[in-house]
Protein backbone atom coordinates (compact mmCIF):
# COMPACT_ATOMS: atom_id res chain seq x y z
CA MET A 1 21.69 -1.00 -9.94
CA ASN A 2 21.24 1.64 -7.26
CA GLY A 3 21.17 4.20 -10.30
CA ILE A 4 18.53 2.33 -11.79
CA TYR A 5 16.26 2.39 -8.77
CA ARG A 6 16.53 5.86 -8.39
CA LYS A 7 15.44 6.59 -12.03
CA LEU A 8 12.42 4.01 -11.31
CA ARG A 9 11.16 5.85 -8.45
CA LYS A 10 11.16 9.06 -10.30
CA GLN A 11 9.30 7.47 -13.05
CA ALA A 12 6.84 6.03 -10.12
CA ALA A 13 6.35 9.59 -8.92
CA ASN A 14 5.76 11.05 -12.24
CA ARG A 15 3.17 8.29 -12.84
CA ASN A 16 0.87 9.33 -10.06
CA PRO A 17 1.67 12.31 -7.96
CA LEU A 18 -0.81 11.17 -5.36
CA VAL A 19 1.25 7.63 -5.49
CA LEU A 20 1.19 7.77 -1.53
CA CYS A 21 -2.54 7.33 -1.55
CA VAL A 22 -2.71 4.33 -3.36
CA LEU A 23 -0.41 1.96 -1.72
CA CYS A 24 1.87 3.85 0.88
CA LEU A 25 4.11 1.21 1.87
CA SER A 26 4.72 -0.17 -1.59
CA ILE A 27 8.17 -0.12 -3.28
CA ILE A 28 7.27 2.97 -5.32
CA ALA A 29 6.51 4.54 -2.47
CA SER A 30 9.17 3.56 0.12
CA GLY A 31 12.08 6.00 -0.63
CA VAL A 32 11.62 9.30 1.70
CA PRO A 33 14.54 11.44 1.91
CA GLY A 34 16.08 12.33 5.42
CA CYS A 35 16.11 8.83 6.80
CA GLU A 36 19.39 7.70 8.54
CA GLU A 37 21.46 4.75 7.84
CA PRO A 38 19.63 1.80 9.18
CA GLN A 39 21.07 -0.03 12.26
CA ARG A 40 22.97 -3.19 10.43
CA LYS A 41 23.77 -4.94 13.74
CA THR A 42 20.84 -5.94 15.98
CA THR A 43 20.88 -7.07 19.94
CA LYS A 44 19.52 -10.49 20.68
CA GLN A 45 16.70 -10.60 22.98
CA SER A 46 17.43 -11.92 26.51
CA THR A 47 13.86 -12.83 27.04
CA PRO A 48 10.81 -13.45 24.85
CA ILE A 49 8.59 -10.59 23.74
CA SER A 50 4.94 -11.33 24.63
CA PRO A 51 2.11 -10.75 21.89
CA GLY A 52 0.83 -8.05 24.20
CA ASN A 53 4.15 -6.29 24.41
CA LEU A 54 4.68 -6.47 20.69
CA VAL A 55 1.06 -4.85 20.00
CA SER A 56 1.68 -2.27 22.48
CA GLN A 57 5.02 -1.24 20.93
CA ALA A 58 3.49 -1.35 17.14
CA THR A 59 0.55 0.72 18.39
CA GLN A 60 2.64 3.36 19.62
CA ILE A 61 4.73 3.55 16.64
CA VAL A 62 1.30 3.98 14.31
CA VAL A 63 0.04 6.56 16.83
CA ASP A 64 3.47 8.58 16.82
CA GLY A 65 3.24 8.36 12.99
CA LEU A 66 -0.06 10.18 12.69
CA THR A 67 1.49 13.11 14.42
CA ASP A 68 4.69 13.31 12.63
CA PRO A 69 6.25 16.27 11.05
CA ASP A 70 6.70 14.38 7.88
CA PRO A 71 3.52 14.12 5.29
CA GLY A 72 4.76 10.84 3.98
CA ILE A 73 5.05 9.29 7.50
CA ARG A 74 1.59 10.57 8.35
CA VAL A 75 0.16 9.14 5.10
CA LYS A 76 1.90 5.77 5.89
CA ALA A 77 0.56 5.56 9.28
CA ILE A 78 -3.12 6.22 8.35
CA GLU A 79 -2.86 3.47 5.68
CA VAL A 80 -1.73 0.92 8.52
CA VAL A 81 -4.77 2.05 10.76
CA ALA A 82 -7.11 1.27 7.22
CA THR A 83 -5.59 -1.77 6.18
CA THR A 84 -5.08 -3.44 9.74
CA GLY A 85 -9.07 -2.08 10.87
CA GLN A 86 -7.53 0.03 13.61
CA VAL A 87 -11.21 1.68 14.41
CA ARG A 88 -10.05 2.68 17.99
CA MET A 89 -7.50 4.98 16.39
CA MET A 90 -9.88 6.47 13.71
CA PRO A 91 -10.44 9.56 16.06
CA ARG A 92 -6.82 10.56 15.62
CA VAL A 93 -7.08 9.94 12.02
CA GLN A 94 -10.50 11.93 11.72
CA ARG A 95 -8.41 15.23 13.05
CA LEU A 96 -6.16 14.49 10.04
CA LEU A 97 -9.18 15.53 7.62
CA LYS A 98 -8.18 19.22 8.27
CA ASP A 99 -4.75 18.44 7.51
CA SER A 100 -2.92 21.02 4.97
CA ILE A 101 -1.28 18.19 3.20
CA VAL A 102 -3.76 16.85 -0.20
CA PRO A 103 -2.46 13.32 0.22
CA VAL A 104 -2.84 12.99 4.09
CA ARG A 105 -6.29 14.50 3.51
CA PHE A 106 -7.02 12.26 0.75
CA LEU A 107 -5.88 8.91 2.83
CA ALA A 108 -7.85 10.09 6.02
CA THR A 109 -10.98 10.60 4.15
CA LEU A 110 -10.47 7.11 2.49
CA SER A 111 -9.59 5.43 5.29
CA CYS A 112 -13.07 6.85 6.61
CA GLY A 113 -14.59 5.18 3.70
CA ASP A 114 -12.50 1.63 3.90
CA LEU A 115 -13.59 1.30 7.76
CA GLU A 116 -17.27 2.67 7.35
CA TYR A 117 -16.30 5.00 10.21
CA THR A 118 -19.89 6.83 10.52
CA LEU A 119 -18.67 9.28 13.09
CA ALA A 120 -16.90 11.36 10.28
CA LYS A 121 -19.89 11.64 8.19
CA ASN A 122 -20.40 15.17 9.09
CA ASP A 123 -17.24 16.02 8.03
CA MET A 124 -17.66 14.72 4.47
CA ALA A 125 -20.05 17.43 3.86
CA GLN A 126 -17.23 19.94 3.95
CA LEU A 127 -15.08 17.61 2.46
CA LEU A 128 -17.39 17.23 -0.61
CA LYS A 129 -16.98 20.96 -1.25
CA ASP A 130 -12.95 20.86 -0.69
CA LYS A 131 -10.89 22.73 -3.19
CA ASP A 132 -9.24 19.74 -4.53
CA GLU A 133 -11.11 17.76 -6.69
CA ASN A 134 -9.02 14.53 -5.32
CA ILE A 135 -10.48 15.32 -2.05
CA ARG A 136 -13.82 15.61 -3.32
CA ILE A 137 -13.91 12.46 -4.99
CA ALA A 138 -12.47 10.77 -1.82
CA ALA A 139 -15.48 12.09 0.16
CA ALA A 140 -18.01 10.87 -2.44
CA TYR A 141 -16.32 7.34 -2.22
CA THR A 142 -16.68 7.75 1.81
CA MET A 143 -20.64 8.82 1.35
CA THR A 144 -20.84 5.70 -1.18
CA LYS A 145 -19.42 3.35 1.60
CA LEU A 146 -21.58 4.87 4.29
CA GLY A 147 -24.78 4.02 2.44
CA SER A 148 -25.30 7.49 0.56
CA LEU A 149 -25.32 5.40 -3.14
CA GLU A 150 -26.18 8.64 -5.20
CA TYR A 151 -22.31 9.44 -4.70
CA PHE A 152 -21.21 6.31 -6.71
CA LYS A 153 -22.03 8.63 -10.14
CA VAL A 154 -19.44 11.03 -8.94
CA LEU A 155 -16.70 8.70 -9.03
CA CYS A 156 -17.91 7.23 -12.38
CA ASN A 157 -18.06 10.73 -13.70
CA ALA A 158 -14.47 11.68 -12.34
CA VAL A 159 -12.99 8.78 -14.52
CA ALA A 160 -13.52 11.06 -17.64
CA SER A 161 -11.54 14.07 -15.82
CA ASP A 162 -9.23 15.88 -17.99
CA ASN A 163 -6.90 15.99 -14.84
CA GLN A 164 -4.95 12.70 -15.21
CA THR A 165 -4.32 12.54 -11.36
CA VAL A 166 -8.12 12.69 -10.42
CA ARG A 167 -8.73 10.15 -13.46
CA ALA A 168 -6.37 7.86 -11.85
CA ASN A 169 -7.67 8.39 -8.08
CA ALA A 170 -11.28 7.82 -9.46
CA ALA A 171 -10.18 4.69 -10.85
CA LEU A 172 -8.58 3.56 -7.81
CA LEU A 173 -11.87 4.41 -5.58
CA LEU A 174 -14.30 2.67 -8.13
CA GLY A 175 -12.14 -0.53 -7.73
CA LYS A 176 -12.63 0.07 -3.84
CA THR A 177 -16.44 0.21 -3.78
CA ASN A 178 -17.00 -3.68 -4.76
CA ARG A 179 -19.57 -2.75 -7.23
CA LYS A 180 -19.21 -4.58 -10.51
CA GLU A 181 -21.18 -1.71 -12.67
CA ALA A 182 -18.05 -0.17 -12.09
CA LEU A 183 -16.22 -2.32 -14.53
CA LYS A 184 -17.59 -0.43 -17.75
CA TYR A 185 -16.41 2.93 -16.79
CA LEU A 186 -12.76 1.21 -15.90
CA TYR A 187 -13.02 -0.58 -19.25
CA TRP A 188 -13.52 2.91 -20.76
CA THR A 189 -10.91 4.69 -19.22
CA LEU A 190 -8.45 1.68 -19.73
CA GLN A 191 -9.06 2.11 -23.39
CA ARG A 192 -8.89 5.70 -23.78
CA LYS A 193 -6.02 7.02 -25.94
CA ASP A 194 -5.72 10.30 -23.79
CA SER A 195 -5.23 8.01 -20.33
CA THR A 196 -1.73 8.22 -19.47
CA ASP A 197 0.37 5.49 -18.24
CA LYS A 198 -0.81 5.88 -14.36
CA VAL A 199 -4.27 6.07 -15.26
CA ILE A 200 -4.13 2.74 -17.11
CA LEU A 201 -2.14 1.13 -14.46
CA GLN A 202 -4.55 2.19 -11.83
CA ALA A 203 -7.46 1.14 -13.82
CA ALA A 204 -6.23 -2.22 -14.84
CA GLU A 205 -5.66 -3.01 -10.97
CA SER A 206 -8.91 -1.67 -10.17
CA ILE A 207 -10.49 -4.14 -12.73
CA ALA A 208 -8.60 -6.93 -10.88
CA MET A 209 -9.82 -5.82 -7.49
CA LEU A 210 -13.26 -6.27 -8.60
CA GLY A 211 -12.20 -9.85 -9.72
CA ASP A 212 -12.67 -9.57 -13.58
CA GLU A 213 -10.57 -12.24 -15.07
CA ARG A 214 -10.33 -10.46 -18.50
CA ILE A 215 -7.75 -8.27 -17.21
CA TYR A 216 -5.23 -11.05 -16.81
CA PRO A 217 -3.64 -10.73 -20.24
CA LYS A 218 -3.12 -7.08 -19.63
CA LEU A 219 -1.44 -7.49 -16.05
CA TRP A 220 0.88 -10.32 -17.52
CA THR A 221 2.38 -7.81 -19.81
CA ARG A 222 3.35 -5.90 -16.48
CA LEU A 223 5.05 -8.82 -14.99
CA ILE A 224 7.18 -9.26 -18.20
CA SER A 225 8.43 -5.96 -18.44
CA VAL A 226 11.86 -5.01 -18.37
CA TYR A 227 11.37 -2.06 -15.48
CA ALA A 228 11.04 -3.42 -12.16
CA ASP A 229 8.41 -0.95 -10.94
CA ASP A 230 6.13 -2.14 -13.66
CA ARG A 231 6.63 -5.70 -12.29
CA VAL A 232 5.90 -4.76 -8.70
CA VAL A 233 2.94 -2.88 -10.00
CA GLY A 234 1.79 -6.17 -12.10
CA ILE A 235 2.26 -8.20 -8.93
CA ARG A 236 0.41 -6.08 -6.65
CA ALA A 237 -2.67 -6.23 -9.27
CA MET A 238 -2.29 -10.06 -9.70
CA GLY A 239 -2.53 -10.61 -5.85
CA ALA A 240 -5.87 -8.53 -6.20
CA LEU A 241 -7.06 -10.66 -8.78
CA GLY A 242 -6.39 -13.60 -6.53
CA THR A 243 -7.30 -16.38 -9.28
CA GLU A 244 -5.47 -19.62 -9.33
CA GLN A 245 -3.75 -18.20 -12.75
CA ALA A 246 -2.66 -15.24 -11.08
CA LYS A 247 -1.13 -17.08 -8.28
CA ASN A 248 0.70 -19.25 -10.62
CA ALA A 249 2.03 -16.26 -12.37
CA LEU A 250 3.06 -14.71 -8.91
CA THR A 251 5.29 -17.93 -8.36
CA THR A 252 7.31 -17.17 -11.78
CA MET A 253 8.08 -14.07 -10.00
CA LEU A 254 9.89 -15.62 -7.00
CA SER A 255 12.83 -16.14 -9.66
CA ASP A 256 12.98 -12.47 -10.59
CA SER A 257 16.33 -11.44 -10.83
CA VAL A 258 15.67 -8.40 -8.58
CA LEU A 259 15.41 -8.97 -4.95
CA GLU A 260 12.64 -6.29 -4.17
CA VAL A 261 10.47 -7.80 -7.22
CA ARG A 262 10.55 -11.12 -5.20
CA LEU A 263 9.67 -9.95 -1.64
CA ALA A 264 6.78 -8.17 -3.40
CA ALA A 265 5.64 -11.59 -5.09
CA ALA A 266 6.37 -13.21 -1.55
CA GLU A 267 3.98 -10.65 0.02
CA GLN A 268 1.17 -10.99 -2.39
CA LEU A 269 1.60 -15.23 -2.19
CA GLY A 270 1.02 -14.64 1.39
CA ARG A 271 -1.84 -12.93 1.29
CA LEU A 272 -3.16 -15.55 -0.83
CA LYS A 273 -2.51 -18.08 1.71
CA ASP A 274 0.56 -19.39 0.15
CA PRO A 275 4.07 -19.31 2.19
CA ILE A 276 5.99 -20.11 -0.84
CA GLY A 277 7.70 -16.96 -0.69
CA THR A 278 9.10 -17.61 3.00
CA ARG A 279 12.48 -18.32 1.67
CA GLU A 280 13.16 -15.05 0.41
CA VAL A 281 12.36 -13.15 3.66
CA LEU A 282 14.69 -15.70 5.37
CA THR A 283 17.40 -15.21 3.02
CA VAL A 284 16.99 -11.47 3.56
CA LEU A 285 16.92 -11.08 7.31
CA SER A 286 18.59 -14.51 8.55
CA LYS A 287 21.70 -14.20 6.14
CA ASP A 288 21.48 -10.25 6.38
CA GLN A 289 21.82 -9.59 2.43
CA THR A 290 21.31 -5.93 3.10
CA THR A 291 24.82 -5.03 4.40
CA SER A 292 26.20 -4.43 1.20
CA MET A 293 23.33 -1.99 -0.06
CA ASP A 294 23.19 1.80 0.34
CA THR A 295 20.90 3.12 2.73
CA GLU A 296 17.90 3.65 0.17
CA SER A 297 18.06 0.24 -0.77
CA HIS A 298 18.77 -1.32 2.50
CA GLU A 299 15.66 0.42 4.17
CA ARG A 300 13.51 -0.40 1.10
CA VAL A 301 14.06 -3.86 1.20
CA LYS A 302 13.56 -4.02 5.13
CA VAL A 303 10.17 -2.30 4.51
CA LEU A 304 9.56 -4.99 1.70
CA SER A 305 10.37 -7.97 3.97
CA ALA A 306 8.20 -6.31 6.87
CA MET A 307 5.40 -6.16 4.60
CA ALA A 308 5.85 -10.04 3.39
CA ILE A 309 6.09 -10.95 6.90
CA GLY A 310 2.44 -9.57 7.72
CA ALA A 311 1.27 -11.45 4.80
CA ILE A 312 2.94 -14.62 5.65
CA GLY A 313 2.42 -14.69 9.10
CA THR A 314 4.39 -18.04 10.06
CA ASP A 315 6.59 -18.34 13.34
CA ASN A 316 9.70 -18.64 11.16
CA VAL A 317 9.34 -15.07 9.83
CA THR A 318 7.29 -13.06 12.54
CA LYS A 319 10.35 -13.87 14.99
CA PHE A 320 11.98 -10.93 13.34
CA LEU A 321 9.34 -8.33 13.80
CA PRO A 322 10.73 -7.34 17.39
CA GLN A 323 14.06 -6.48 15.64
CA LEU A 324 12.50 -4.59 12.72
CA LEU A 325 10.00 -2.58 15.12
CA ARG A 326 13.48 -1.22 16.90
CA ASP A 327 14.76 -0.36 13.62
CA GLU A 328 16.00 3.21 13.18
CA SER A 329 13.93 4.37 9.95
CA LYS A 330 10.60 5.17 10.42
CA LEU A 331 9.58 3.63 7.45
CA VAL A 332 11.07 0.15 8.43
CA LYS A 333 9.16 0.51 11.97
CA ILE A 334 5.75 1.61 10.48
CA ALA A 335 6.04 -1.32 8.04
CA ALA A 336 6.75 -3.83 11.11
CA ALA A 337 4.22 -2.16 13.14
CA LYS A 338 1.58 -3.36 10.15
CA ALA A 339 2.74 -6.92 10.18
CA VAL A 340 2.46 -7.07 13.96
CA LEU A 341 -1.29 -5.49 13.91
CA GLU A 342 -1.77 -8.11 10.82
CA THR A 343 -0.65 -11.24 12.75
CA THR A 344 -0.41 -10.98 16.40
CA THR A 345 -3.49 -12.00 18.63
CA VAL A 346 -3.76 -10.88 21.88
CA LYS A 347 -5.29 -13.41 24.30
């Protein structure tokens, strides 16, 4: 099983060299070399931790992540800022627009668009001239989100790029614009014979993000793939589609033979306000199914569990967040920090 997952991670990386910029805490991007063996035993808290304390811990983990020497950690920290709407951290993210690593600059630029961070608009003028085309289209996306709609055409043109990574990222950005006119460009890209698998996968997910139900059959083929990473991609796209039919399909994935796939389904169902996947998280964290796993698998399952907790948000799963915030793995801590920021309200 572990050999299979190492192979799957290689396949995922080959599909999209900038996969860190798409969904940075997903199963595909969760394996980062150099992490220590996660702590197997946890110490029970003698006193309850207040919501304010949890948020403080989570915030510090994200802040530290933004300056981490590992670019993969910086990318994940930026993703948490953007997906949880932490506008107060955006000045720190804004400094990463000059990072030397392309995926970091890409996601920092993307987050300025996602949060419509107008204070970075002047930076976009420089990034529109960046030497890397991926950065240029990310800047065009941000300009579009900030009201300069003429830059939308840049994204439409980029899905015709000969560079497959640029084409895939352009498809991602079109999906994030929420503009229905992007559908014709995405379907055109999806049907091109020279589009690689990574482009096809991203175009299909972006069509789902735009709510077009015609993509359902295409997504279903991913759910029945023999490859676990394909099934996870299909699960994420079904969650983006969010229809009742998509939700029913996700429910069937809770019976998948692979634990990581079941946890991914639990997360997406949680985001659709269905806590049916709670039992998967409880089984992992209450019965500690990770003790016999190797380091990478152990870490990956904890990351996915934290992501599912953030989506489900009920007390019976959020009670595990304090121990996950103390995990030795930075990946697990960042995933737990995201869950805290998603679920905790400080009164």
